[in-house]
C-alpha cells in the first residue's frame, strides 16, 4: 500500500509548522516503513495494517498537542505490488 499522509494542527504555528512536521517524521521513521517527505505531505509504503497503525499514531500525537487537527490521507492499494514509492515516479520520468 502506498499512502500520502499529512497531519497538522490548525490552532498553532504562527510562523510555521516545521516543529510539528518533524515530530511526525520521527514517528514515521520509528515505524520502519519506507517513506519520502515532500513539501505538502509524506509518502509512506508498507502493508495496510502498518499504514493504518501509523496514521493512528500520527493523529493521536498531533491531537495531544492541539485542539484542532487536520489530517489528509490518500491511498493507492495495488495488492501484491511493492516498490511503488519509486516505480510510479520512474514510470513518468521514463516518458519525459
Protein backbone atom coordinates (compact mmCIF):
# COMPACT_ATOMS: atom_id res chain seq x y z
CA UNK A 1 0.00 0.00 0.00
CA UNK A 2 1.17 3.50 -0.83
CA UNK A 3 -0.24 6.35 1.26
CA UNK A 4 0.26 10.08 1.24
CA UNK A 5 -0.27 11.42 4.74
CA UNK A 6 -0.32 14.93 6.11
CA UNK A 7 -1.38 15.86 9.63
CA UNK A 8 -1.12 19.28 11.21
CA UNK A 9 -2.59 21.46 13.94
CA UNK A 10 -4.99 24.17 12.85
CA UNK A 11 -4.58 26.19 16.03
CA UNK A 12 -0.76 26.51 16.10
CA UNK A 13 2.21 27.62 14.05
CA UNK A 14 2.01 31.38 13.63
CA UNK A 15 5.31 31.40 11.75
CA UNK A 16 5.39 27.75 10.63
CA UNK A 17 4.61 24.17 11.44
CA UNK A 18 8.02 22.56 10.95
CA UNK A 19 8.34 21.57 14.62
CA UNK A 20 5.11 19.54 14.30
CA UNK A 21 6.13 18.06 10.96
CA UNK A 22 9.47 16.98 12.46
CA UNK A 23 7.63 15.16 15.26
CA UNK A 24 5.52 13.32 12.69
CA UNK A 25 8.59 12.38 10.64
CA UNK A 26 10.20 10.90 13.77
CA UNK A 27 7.12 8.73 14.28
CA UNK A 28 7.26 7.65 10.63
CA UNK A 29 10.97 6.81 10.97
CA UNK A 30 10.24 4.72 14.07
CA UNK A 31 7.66 2.74 12.08
CA UNK A 32 10.42 1.33 9.87
CA UNK A 33 8.32 1.90 6.75
CA UNK A 34 9.81 3.33 3.57
CA UNK A 35 8.88 6.99 3.17
CA UNK A 36 9.59 10.17 1.25
CA UNK A 37 8.83 13.58 2.72
CA UNK A 38 7.82 16.36 0.36
CA UNK A 39 6.55 19.91 0.75
CA UNK A 40 2.87 19.06 1.30
CA UNK A 41 2.95 15.67 2.97
CA UNK A 42 4.79 12.39 3.23
CA UNK A 43 4.51 9.26 1.08
CA UNK A 44 4.70 6.01 3.04
CA UNK A 45 4.76 2.46 1.69
CA UNK A 46 4.00 -0.76 3.52
CA UNK A 47 1.33 -3.28 4.50
CA UNK A 48 -2.16 -1.88 5.05
CA UNK A 49 -2.23 -2.68 8.77
CA UNK A 50 1.09 -0.89 9.30
CA UNK A 51 -0.07 2.17 7.32
CA UNK A 52 -3.31 2.44 9.31
CA UNK A 53 -1.47 1.93 12.59
CA UNK A 54 0.96 4.68 11.62
CA UNK A 55 -1.87 7.05 10.65
CA UNK A 56 -3.48 6.45 14.04
CA UNK A 57 -0.22 7.21 15.86
CA UNK A 58 0.31 10.37 13.83
CA UNK A 59 -3.21 11.58 14.54
CA UNK A 60 -3.08 10.95 18.29
CA UNK A 61 0.35 12.55 18.58
CA UNK A 62 -0.96 15.73 16.95
CA UNK A 63 -4.23 15.65 18.90
CA UNK A 64 -2.26 15.52 22.15
CA UNK A 65 -0.85 18.96 21.29
CA UNK A 66 -3.73 20.65 19.51
CA UNK A 67 -7.44 21.22 19.97
CA UNK A 68 -7.98 21.17 16.21
CA UNK A 69 -6.22 18.73 13.88
CA UNK A 70 -6.40 18.35 10.11
CA UNK A 71 -5.36 15.06 8.53
CA UNK A 72 -5.33 14.07 4.89
CA UNK A 73 -4.72 10.51 3.72
CA UNK A 74 -4.62 9.38 0.10
CA UNK A 75 -4.19 5.65 -0.55
CA UNK A 76 -3.18 3.59 -3.58
CA UNK A 77 -3.51 -0.10 -2.71
CA UNK A 78 -2.35 -2.29 -5.58
CA UNK A 79 -2.25 -5.72 -3.97
CA UNK A 80 0.83 -7.82 -4.43
CA UNK A 81 2.90 -4.90 -5.74
CA UNK A 82 5.74 -3.33 -3.80
CA UNK A 83 8.20 -0.60 -4.61
CA UNK A 84 5.54 1.84 -5.78
CA UNK A 85 7.30 4.67 -3.98
CA UNK A 86 9.93 4.61 -6.74
CA UNK A 87 8.10 2.81 -9.58
CA UNK A 88 5.34 5.40 -10.00
CA UNK A 89 7.81 8.25 -10.40
CA UNK A 90 10.08 6.24 -12.71
CA UNK A 91 7.14 5.34 -14.96
CA UNK A 92 6.57 9.04 -15.59
CA UNK A 93 10.19 10.16 -15.82
CA UNK A 94 10.89 7.40 -18.37
CA UNK A 95 8.30 9.03 -20.62
CA UNK A 96 9.77 12.54 -20.37
